[in-house]
Amino acid sequence: MVKKIGILLCILALCGGMVFAGGEQEAGQAGSEKEITLNLWHIHGWETRRVPLENALKRFEAANPGVKVIPSHYENDPYKTKLKTVSGQDFPDVFHSWGGGWLKSFVDAGLVADITEASKSWADEVSPEALAFNTYYDKVYGSPYIISGTYLYYNKEIFQKYGLEFPKTYDELMDVCETLKNNGIIPFALGNKSKWPGAQHFVHLSMRLGGPDIFQRALDGDVKFTDPAFIKAGQMLQDMVDKEYFPAGVNGINYDTGGSRMMFYTEKTAMILQTSGFLSNCKAENPDFYKTKLGVGMYPEIEGAPGNSTDILSGENAFSVSASCEHKDIAAKLVGFLSTDEQYQKDLVAGGTLGSRLGLETEEPLLKTAMTILDNATYMQNYVDQTLNPELAEKHKDTVQALFGKTMTPREAAEEMQKVYEATK
């Protein structure tokens, strides 16, 4: 459990600052001279994630009298834009992050507090893979509270109706797509206005063709972004576009506002490639579909290629403390609490979200399957738009969106990626 942190009020009175000790007195206990306020920014608008977070914050406040946490919610992409436009003292005390290259850019800019020492009290209670996504230069800059994987979801009733088995190979997947199309059903739901949903298709194809670490090797300079695996992945993706395995106009459909999910729920489509966040979305938006029709599996392997179906595209959600936060110790205590509080983590799982705390269990079939897939993964690739530096990540999403729109050839997309890589490395 998170260790108690107390306030030495006499030093507070003399210095106007805060010193934390290991005594029994909680931070902000009645009698302190001023209330401690922490601003927290997050992206969880869905009830299945927002309510557990709000309840957890209330429990933290109750355990730390005199501490007030003010949460602010933003949509995913506007949040990323907003965080880039603020700096210094305008930064929130505690902010949502995804680790990887995304968070590293803020670390390198001096905007994130080092919470290595504080993390020692909870690090062994959370997923080590997720914690590693927030560790740079042997220092910890974020505490994960949600872990995630990308899965191929499918409509079990539609598959059963047409005698389809979940595909184990890419050729089998193409056969499934052709059968669905011949029966008037679009194989894949996809809303790619925000670019990252479509990128998951490209990344899976690249990992299956070039091996699970193909993106890391490109980032390290061991291979180029013009590697044949990337070009072939683009060709295969555009082949699926040409065969109309995706809805028309995918680049104008917004996943975040529900466009592609509605196509899946209304059975205009039979599959959707999405993160584990889709489980909580589906459970909240269409509980009957979730209980009776939803199936979950992994993107199939490509026969003869080095990638395996057990290589997973994954990631996490974390909270970090800003370098400008006035009360870093209590803020670090908060992020550790959100990573390990048993009730919060159980509430996340109950809502269809995979928590980061080790030892979480569930008897709900879909969640159990998702957890088992993560546990048995042979390789975990952090979401590529979070692994790459921000400029290269944006180019990655732009080029994949262009591949879907057929405004760029696979080779042109690969050459653009290499060009930006060389300019930003």
Protein backbone atom coordinates (compact mmCIF):
# COMPACT_ATOMS: atom_id res chain seq x y z
CA MET A 1 0.00 0.00 0.00
CA VAL A 2 1.01 3.62 -0.46
CA LYS A 3 2.92 4.89 2.57
CA LYS A 4 1.50 7.69 4.68
CA ILE A 5 3.01 11.10 4.21
CA GLY A 6 2.72 13.74 6.88
CA ILE A 7 3.29 17.50 7.05
CA LEU A 8 5.58 19.23 9.51
CA LEU A 9 3.32 22.18 10.25
CA CYS A 10 5.95 24.15 12.10
CA ILE A 11 8.16 24.20 8.99
CA LEU A 12 5.13 25.02 6.85
CA ALA A 13 4.44 28.03 9.03
CA LEU A 14 8.05 29.23 8.94
CA CYS A 15 8.88 28.55 5.31
CA GLY A 16 5.57 28.67 3.51
CA GLY A 17 6.48 25.33 1.95
CA MET A 18 5.80 21.66 2.63
CA VAL A 19 8.07 19.02 4.09
CA PHE A 20 6.85 15.43 4.22
CA ALA A 21 7.88 12.97 6.88
CA GLY A 22 6.98 9.42 7.75
CA GLY A 23 4.77 10.23 10.74
CA GLU A 24 1.10 9.39 11.25
CA GLN A 25 -0.20 12.86 10.41
CA GLU A 26 -1.73 12.96 6.94
CA ALA A 27 -1.03 15.70 4.39
CA GLY A 28 -3.51 18.53 4.73
CA GLN A 29 -4.83 17.35 8.10
CA ALA A 30 -7.28 19.66 9.87
CA GLY A 31 -5.34 22.51 11.41
CA SER A 32 -3.03 23.14 8.45
CA GLU A 33 -2.91 26.76 7.38
CA LYS A 34 -4.12 26.29 3.83
CA GLU A 35 -5.82 23.72 1.65
CA ILE A 36 -3.66 21.93 -0.88
CA THR A 37 -5.23 21.98 -4.34
CA LEU A 38 -4.11 19.71 -7.15
CA ASN A 39 -5.38 20.13 -10.70
CA LEU A 40 -5.65 16.84 -12.59
CA TRP A 41 -6.24 16.56 -16.34
CA HIS A 42 -7.56 13.32 -17.85
CA ILE A 43 -9.28 11.98 -20.99
CA HIS A 44 -11.90 9.70 -19.45
CA GLY A 45 -15.35 10.90 -20.43
CA TRP A 46 -16.89 7.42 -20.50
CA GLU A 47 -18.90 6.68 -17.39
CA THR A 48 -17.20 3.32 -16.90
CA ARG A 49 -13.86 5.14 -16.48
CA ARG A 50 -14.86 8.60 -15.31
CA VAL A 51 -16.96 7.51 -12.32
CA PRO A 52 -14.33 5.10 -10.90
CA LEU A 53 -11.74 7.88 -11.22
CA GLU A 54 -13.95 10.44 -9.48
CA ASN A 55 -14.72 7.99 -6.67
CA ALA A 56 -11.02 7.20 -6.26
CA LEU A 57 -10.22 10.91 -5.99
CA LYS A 58 -12.84 11.25 -3.25
CA ARG A 59 -11.25 8.38 -1.33
CA PHE A 60 -7.85 10.00 -1.68
CA GLU A 61 -9.21 13.29 -0.36
CA ALA A 62 -10.86 11.51 2.57
CA ALA A 63 -7.55 9.85 3.45
CA ASN A 64 -5.72 13.17 3.11
CA PRO A 65 -7.83 15.90 4.81
CA GLY A 66 -7.10 19.35 3.47
CA VAL A 67 -6.17 18.05 0.01
CA LYS A 68 -8.54 18.91 -2.85
CA VAL A 69 -8.15 17.34 -6.31
CA ILE A 70 -9.89 19.15 -9.16
CA PRO A 71 -10.28 16.89 -12.23
CA SER A 72 -10.72 18.29 -15.73
CA HIS A 73 -11.77 16.10 -18.66
CA TYR A 74 -10.72 16.58 -22.30
CA GLU A 75 -11.30 14.51 -25.42
CA ASN A 76 -8.29 12.50 -26.55
CA ASP A 77 -6.96 14.54 -29.47
CA PRO A 78 -7.92 18.02 -28.17
CA TYR A 79 -6.16 17.04 -24.94
CA LYS A 80 -2.92 16.29 -26.77
CA THR A 81 -3.13 19.62 -28.55
CA LYS A 82 -3.92 21.55 -25.37
CA LEU A 83 -1.08 20.02 -23.39
CA LYS A 84 1.37 21.06 -26.09
CA THR A 85 0.21 24.68 -25.89
CA VAL A 86 0.73 25.12 -22.14
CA SER A 87 4.03 25.32 -20.36
CA GLY A 88 5.62 26.12 -17.05
CA GLN A 89 3.21 27.33 -14.40
CA ASP A 90 0.20 26.74 -16.68
CA PHE A 91 0.83 23.01 -16.66
CA PRO A 92 -1.62 20.92 -14.58
CA ASP A 93 -0.22 19.46 -11.35
CA VAL A 94 -1.08 15.92 -12.43
CA PHE A 95 -1.72 14.98 -16.04
CA HIS A 96 -2.69 11.92 -18.06
CA SER A 97 0.00 10.47 -20.28
CA TRP A 98 0.80 7.44 -22.42
CA GLY A 99 4.49 7.03 -21.72
CA GLY A 100 6.82 6.19 -24.61
CA GLY A 101 8.18 8.89 -26.89
CA TRP A 102 5.13 11.04 -26.19
CA LEU A 103 5.95 11.54 -22.52
CA LYS A 104 9.69 11.60 -23.16
CA SER A 105 9.32 14.77 -25.21
CA PHE A 106 7.84 16.51 -22.15
CA VAL A 107 10.53 14.99 -19.91
CA ASP A 108 13.27 16.29 -22.20
CA ALA A 109 11.63 19.72 -22.13
CA GLY A 110 11.91 19.75 -18.33
CA LEU A 111 8.14 19.74 -17.78
CA VAL A 112 7.81 16.48 -15.81
CA ALA A 113 8.84 15.74 -12.23
CA ASP A 114 11.07 12.80 -11.39
CA ILE A 115 9.04 10.53 -9.08
CA THR A 116 11.58 7.71 -8.82
CA GLU A 117 11.95 7.88 -5.05
CA ALA A 118 8.20 8.03 -4.42
CA SER A 119 7.55 5.18 -6.85
CA LYS A 120 9.60 2.77 -4.75
CA SER A 121 6.60 2.39 -2.43
CA TRP A 122 4.30 1.11 -5.21
CA ALA A 123 6.45 0.02 -8.16
CA ASP A 124 6.29 -3.66 -7.24
CA GLU A 125 2.47 -3.53 -7.24
CA VAL A 126 2.02 -2.52 -10.90
CA SER A 127 2.77 -4.07 -14.28
CA PRO A 128 6.55 -3.84 -14.82
CA GLU A 129 6.06 -3.56 -18.60
CA ALA A 130 3.75 -0.59 -18.14
CA LEU A 131 6.11 1.06 -15.67
CA ALA A 132 8.96 0.64 -18.15
CA PHE A 133 7.04 2.75 -20.69
CA ASN A 134 7.36 5.67 -18.21
CA THR A 135 11.03 5.18 -17.31
CA TYR A 136 13.78 7.22 -18.99
CA TYR A 137 17.44 7.58 -18.06
CA ASP A 138 16.78 5.11 -15.21
CA LYS A 139 14.27 7.50 -13.65
CA VAL A 140 10.49 7.15 -13.30
CA TYR A 141 8.31 9.95 -14.70
CA GLY A 142 4.86 8.39 -14.68
CA SER A 143 2.79 5.83 -12.81
CA PRO A 144 0.57 3.52 -14.94
CA TYR A 145 -3.01 2.94 -13.84
CA ILE A 146 -4.47 1.28 -16.97
CA ILE A 147 -2.88 -1.23 -19.30
CA SER A 148 -4.09 -1.86 -22.81
CA GLY A 149 -3.79 -4.19 -25.76
CA THR A 150 -5.16 -4.09 -29.29
CA TYR A 151 -7.54 -6.89 -30.26
CA LEU A 152 -9.54 -7.98 -33.27
CA TYR A 153 -13.17 -7.90 -32.11
CA TYR A 154 -15.84 -9.72 -34.07
CA ASN A 155 -19.58 -10.35 -34.10
CA LYS A 156 -20.03 -13.98 -33.01
CA GLU A 157 -23.59 -14.19 -34.35
CA ILE A 158 -22.60 -13.03 -37.83
CA PHE A 159 -19.67 -15.43 -37.90
CA GLN A 160 -21.93 -18.29 -36.83
CA LYS A 161 -24.59 -17.35 -39.37
CA TYR A 162 -22.15 -17.68 -42.26
CA GLY A 163 -20.20 -20.63 -40.87
CA LEU A 164 -17.06 -18.61 -40.23
CA GLU A 165 -14.27 -19.47 -37.80
CA PHE A 166 -12.09 -16.80 -36.24
CA PRO A 167 -9.08 -16.55 -38.59
CA LYS A 168 -5.69 -17.84 -37.46
CA THR A 169 -3.80 -16.68 -40.57
CA TYR A 170 -3.98 -13.64 -42.82
CA ASP A 171 -5.17 -15.78 -45.75
CA GLU A 172 -8.02 -17.05 -43.58
CA LEU A 173 -8.82 -13.45 -42.64
CA MET A 174 -9.05 -12.51 -46.31
CA ASP A 175 -11.40 -15.46 -46.91
CA VAL A 176 -13.58 -14.25 -44.03
CA CYS A 177 -13.62 -10.74 -45.49
CA GLU A 178 -14.66 -12.01 -48.92
CA THR A 179 -17.50 -14.11 -47.49
CA LEU A 180 -18.78 -11.16 -45.49
CA LYS A 181 -18.60 -8.81 -48.45
CA ASN A 182 -20.47 -11.30 -50.67
CA ASN A 183 -23.26 -11.28 -48.10
CA GLY A 184 -23.57 -7.52 -47.99
CA ILE A 185 -21.56 -6.96 -44.81
CA ILE A 186 -18.54 -4.66 -44.67
CA PRO A 187 -15.76 -6.69 -43.02
CA PHE A 188 -14.12 -3.96 -40.88
CA ALA A 189 -15.60 -1.01 -39.04
CA LEU A 190 -13.15 1.88 -39.06
CA GLY A 191 -13.31 5.55 -38.15
CA ASN A 192 -9.98 7.09 -39.14
CA LYS A 193 -10.61 10.83 -38.84
CA SER A 194 -8.29 10.94 -35.83
CA LYS A 195 -5.75 8.79 -37.72
CA TRP A 196 -4.66 6.44 -34.91
CA PRO A 197 -7.41 3.81 -35.45
CA GLY A 198 -6.27 3.11 -39.02
CA ALA A 199 -2.63 3.11 -37.95
CA GLN A 200 -3.35 -0.01 -35.88
CA HIS A 201 -4.02 -1.95 -39.08
CA PHE A 202 -0.76 -0.77 -40.63
CA VAL A 203 1.24 -1.49 -37.47
CA HIS A 204 -0.10 -5.04 -37.16
CA LEU A 205 0.70 -5.81 -40.78
CA SER A 206 4.21 -4.37 -40.36
CA MET A 207 4.83 -6.38 -37.16
CA ARG A 208 3.62 -9.59 -38.76
CA LEU A 209 5.71 -9.02 -41.90
CA GLY A 210 8.91 -7.61 -40.40
CA GLY A 211 8.93 -9.12 -36.93
CA PRO A 212 7.50 -7.73 -33.68
CA ASP A 213 10.33 -5.24 -33.08
CA ILE A 214 10.40 -3.77 -36.60
CA PHE A 215 9.42 -0.29 -35.40
CA GLN A 216 11.95 -0.28 -32.58
CA ARG A 217 14.66 -1.40 -35.00
CA ALA A 218 13.69 1.43 -37.35
CA LEU A 219 13.76 3.89 -34.47
CA ASP A 220 17.20 2.61 -33.44
CA GLY A 221 18.45 2.97 -37.01
CA ASP A 222 19.03 -0.76 -37.52
CA VAL A 223 16.59 -0.77 -40.44
CA LYS A 224 15.02 2.06 -42.39
CA PHE A 225 11.39 3.11 -42.52
CA THR A 226 11.69 2.19 -46.20
CA ASP A 227 12.20 -1.45 -45.19
CA PRO A 228 10.28 -3.86 -47.45
CA ALA A 229 8.06 -4.85 -44.51
CA PHE A 230 6.66 -1.30 -44.24
CA ILE A 231 6.12 -0.99 -47.98
CA LYS A 232 4.47 -4.40 -48.21
CA ALA A 233 2.22 -3.51 -45.24
CA GLY A 234 1.07 -0.41 -47.11
CA GLN A 235 0.38 -2.44 -50.22
CA MET A 236 -1.68 -5.00 -48.31
CA LEU A 237 -3.64 -2.25 -46.58
CA GLN A 238 -4.46 -0.54 -49.88
CA ASP A 239 -5.43 -3.90 -51.35
CA MET A 240 -8.06 -4.21 -48.61
CA VAL A 241 -9.24 -0.68 -49.37
CA ASP A 242 -9.58 -1.55 -53.06
CA LYS A 243 -11.59 -4.66 -52.17
CA GLU A 244 -13.94 -2.49 -50.09
CA TYR A 245 -13.19 -4.32 -46.86
CA PHE A 246 -13.50 -0.97 -45.05
CA PRO A 247 -16.39 1.53 -45.11
CA ALA A 248 -16.27 4.22 -47.78
CA GLY A 249 -14.79 7.48 -46.55
CA VAL A 250 -13.09 6.07 -43.44
CA ASN A 251 -10.95 9.20 -43.07
CA GLY A 252 -14.09 11.22 -42.45
CA ILE A 253 -15.56 8.86 -39.81
CA ASN A 254 -14.72 9.64 -36.19
CA TYR A 255 -14.11 6.74 -33.81
CA ASP A 256 -13.97 8.99 -30.75
CA THR A 257 -17.51 10.23 -31.30
CA GLY A 258 -18.79 6.73 -32.00
CA GLY A 259 -19.12 6.62 -35.79
CA SER A 260 -17.35 3.32 -36.42
CA ARG A 261 -18.64 1.72 -33.22
CA MET A 262 -22.23 2.33 -34.31
CA MET A 263 -21.51 0.61 -37.61
CA PHE A 264 -20.30 -2.40 -35.63
CA TYR A 265 -23.23 -2.43 -33.18
CA THR A 266 -25.79 -2.13 -35.99
CA GLU A 267 -24.14 -5.07 -37.80
CA LYS A 268 -23.26 -3.16 -40.94
CA THR A 269 -19.77 -4.46 -40.23
CA ALA A 270 -18.56 -7.68 -38.58
CA MET A 271 -15.11 -6.82 -37.15
CA ILE A 272 -13.28 -3.91 -35.59
CA LEU A 273 -9.58 -3.65 -34.70
CA GLN A 274 -9.35 -1.61 -31.53
CA THR A 275 -7.68 -1.20 -28.15
CA SER A 276 -9.01 -2.83 -24.99
CA GLY A 277 -10.74 0.50 -24.32
CA PHE A 278 -13.36 -0.72 -26.77
CA LEU A 279 -14.49 -3.27 -24.15
CA SER A 280 -15.55 -0.55 -21.74
CA ASN A 281 -17.09 1.49 -24.57
CA CYS A 282 -19.17 -1.44 -25.77
CA LYS A 283 -20.21 -2.44 -22.26
CA ALA A 284 -21.46 1.09 -21.58
CA GLU A 285 -23.01 1.82 -24.98
CA ASN A 286 -24.53 -1.53 -25.88
CA PRO A 287 -24.51 -3.97 -22.94
CA ASP A 288 -26.68 -6.57 -24.73
CA PHE A 289 -24.27 -6.68 -27.67
CA TYR A 290 -21.38 -6.94 -25.20
CA LYS A 291 -22.94 -9.90 -23.41
CA THR A 292 -24.24 -11.91 -26.36
CA LYS A 293 -22.45 -11.00 -29.59
CA LEU A 294 -18.96 -9.68 -28.92
CA GLY A 295 -15.96 -11.92 -29.48
CA VAL A 296 -12.28 -11.05 -29.00
CA GLY A 297 -9.11 -12.43 -30.56
CA MET A 298 -5.72 -11.44 -31.93
CA TYR A 299 -4.76 -10.14 -35.37
CA PRO A 300 -3.68 -13.26 -37.28
CA GLU A 301 -0.15 -14.02 -38.36
CA ILE A 302 1.07 -14.05 -41.94
CA GLU A 303 2.30 -17.49 -42.96
CA GLY A 304 6.02 -17.53 -43.69
CA ALA A 305 6.63 -14.15 -42.03
CA PRO A 306 8.52 -13.73 -38.72
CA GLY A 307 5.72 -12.10 -36.72
CA ASN A 308 3.42 -14.14 -34.48
CA SER A 309 -0.23 -13.67 -33.55
CA THR A 310 0.95 -13.53 -29.92
CA ASP A 311 2.95 -10.35 -30.61
CA ILE A 312 0.69 -7.61 -29.31
CA LEU A 313 0.36 -3.90 -29.89
CA SER A 314 -0.09 -2.54 -26.40
CA GLY A 315 0.21 0.48 -24.19
CA GLU A 316 -0.89 2.03 -20.97
CA ASN A 317 -2.41 5.09 -19.39
CA ALA A 318 -0.38 6.79 -16.71
CA PHE A 319 -0.45 9.88 -14.56
CA SER A 320 2.58 12.12 -14.29
CA VAL A 321 3.44 15.05 -12.03
CA SER A 322 4.43 18.35 -13.61
CA ALA A 323 7.76 19.94 -12.79
CA SER A 324 5.90 23.13 -11.88
CA CYS A 325 3.65 21.44 -9.31
CA GLU A 326 3.99 23.21 -5.96
CA HIS A 327 3.26 20.07 -3.94
CA LYS A 328 5.17 17.35 -5.78
CA ASP A 329 5.25 14.91 -2.89
CA ILE A 330 1.49 14.81 -2.35
CA ALA A 331 0.97 14.75 -6.16
CA ALA A 332 3.32 11.76 -6.39
CA LYS A 333 1.36 10.11 -3.60
CA LEU A 334 -1.82 10.66 -5.63
CA VAL A 335 -0.49 9.04 -8.81
CA GLY A 336 0.76 6.07 -6.81
CA PHE A 337 -2.65 5.77 -5.16
CA LEU A 338 -4.40 5.68 -8.54
CA SER A 339 -2.05 2.94 -9.74
CA THR A 340 -2.56 0.69 -6.73
CA ASP A 341 -5.83 1.50 -4.96
CA GLU A 342 -7.57 -1.87 -4.97
CA GLN A 343 -11.11 -0.49 -5.18
CA TYR A 344 -10.29 1.82 -8.09
CA GLN A 345 -8.54 -0.96 -9.98
CA LYS A 346 -11.42 -3.37 -9.36
CA ASP A 347 -13.94 -0.73 -10.48
CA LEU A 348 -12.00 -0.26 -13.73
CA VAL A 349 -12.08 -4.00 -14.42
CA ALA A 350 -15.79 -4.14 -13.60
CA GLY A 351 -16.34 -1.47 -16.26
CA GLY A 352 -14.39 -3.35 -18.90
CA THR A 353 -10.99 -1.68 -18.46
CA LEU A 354 -7.74 -3.50 -17.70
CA GLY A 355 -6.14 -2.05 -14.57
CA SER A 356 -2.38 -1.87 -14.06
CA ARG A 357 -2.33 -3.35 -10.55
CA LEU A 358 -0.83 -6.83 -10.44
CA GLY A 359 -3.03 -9.72 -9.36
CA LEU A 360 -6.33 -8.38 -10.69
CA GLU A 361 -8.83 -11.10 -11.51
CA THR A 362 -12.19 -11.33 -13.21
CA GLU A 363 -14.62 -14.07 -14.17
CA GLU A 364 -16.10 -12.01 -17.01
CA PRO A 365 -15.25 -14.01 -20.17
CA LEU A 366 -14.25 -11.17 -22.48
CA LEU A 367 -12.04 -9.46 -19.94
CA LYS A 368 -10.53 -12.75 -18.88
CA THR A 369 -9.65 -13.51 -22.51
CA ALA A 370 -8.12 -10.04 -22.97
CA MET A 371 -6.07 -10.42 -19.79
CA THR A 372 -4.89 -13.89 -20.81
CA ILE A 373 -3.77 -12.63 -24.22
CA LEU A 374 -1.72 -9.90 -22.53
CA ASP A 375 -0.26 -12.35 -20.02
CA ASN A 376 0.79 -14.73 -22.82
CA ALA A 377 2.11 -12.09 -25.22
CA THR A 378 5.48 -12.98 -26.74
CA TYR A 379 6.24 -9.32 -27.49
CA MET A 380 4.61 -6.07 -26.39
CA GLN A 381 5.02 -3.14 -28.79
CA ASN A 382 4.03 0.16 -27.26
CA TYR A 383 1.56 2.07 -29.44
CA VAL A 384 3.72 3.40 -32.22
CA ASP A 385 2.37 6.95 -32.16
CA GLN A 386 3.50 6.98 -28.51
CA THR A 387 6.83 5.25 -29.12
CA LEU A 388 8.02 7.69 -31.79
CA ASN A 389 8.93 11.29 -31.10
CA PRO A 390 5.94 13.63 -31.61
CA GLU A 391 6.93 14.88 -35.07
CA LEU A 392 7.64 11.39 -36.41
CA ALA A 393 4.53 10.02 -34.72
CA GLU A 394 2.39 12.63 -36.44
CA LYS A 395 3.99 11.81 -39.79
CA HIS A 396 3.28 8.12 -39.12
CA LYS A 397 -0.42 8.85 -38.62
CA ASP A 398 -0.56 11.24 -41.57
CA THR A 399 1.03 8.77 -43.98
CA VAL A 400 -1.24 5.91 -42.90
CA GLN A 401 -4.28 8.13 -43.32
CA ALA A 402 -2.98 8.98 -46.80
CA LEU A 403 -2.65 5.26 -47.55
CA PHE A 404 -6.31 4.74 -46.68
CA GLY A 405 -7.26 7.74 -48.81
CA LYS A 406 -5.09 6.50 -51.72
CA THR A 407 -3.41 9.92 -51.90
CA MET A 408 0.03 8.41 -51.34
CA THR A 409 1.67 5.20 -52.49
CA PRO A 410 3.23 2.81 -49.95
CA ARG A 411 6.71 3.71 -51.15
CA GLU A 412 6.02 7.44 -50.94
CA ALA A 413 4.68 6.98 -47.39
CA ALA A 414 7.80 5.01 -46.41
CA GLU A 415 10.13 7.61 -47.90
CA GLU A 416 8.30 10.41 -46.06
CA MET A 417 8.75 8.54 -42.77
CA GLN A 418 12.48 8.03 -43.37
CA LYS A 419 12.91 11.67 -44.34
CA VAL A 420 11.33 12.91 -41.11
CA TYR A 421 13.23 10.31 -39.08
CA GLU A 422 16.57 11.53 -40.42
CA ALA A 423 15.59 15.15 -39.78
CA THR A 424 14.54 14.55 -36.17
CA LYS A 425 16.89 11.83 -34.86
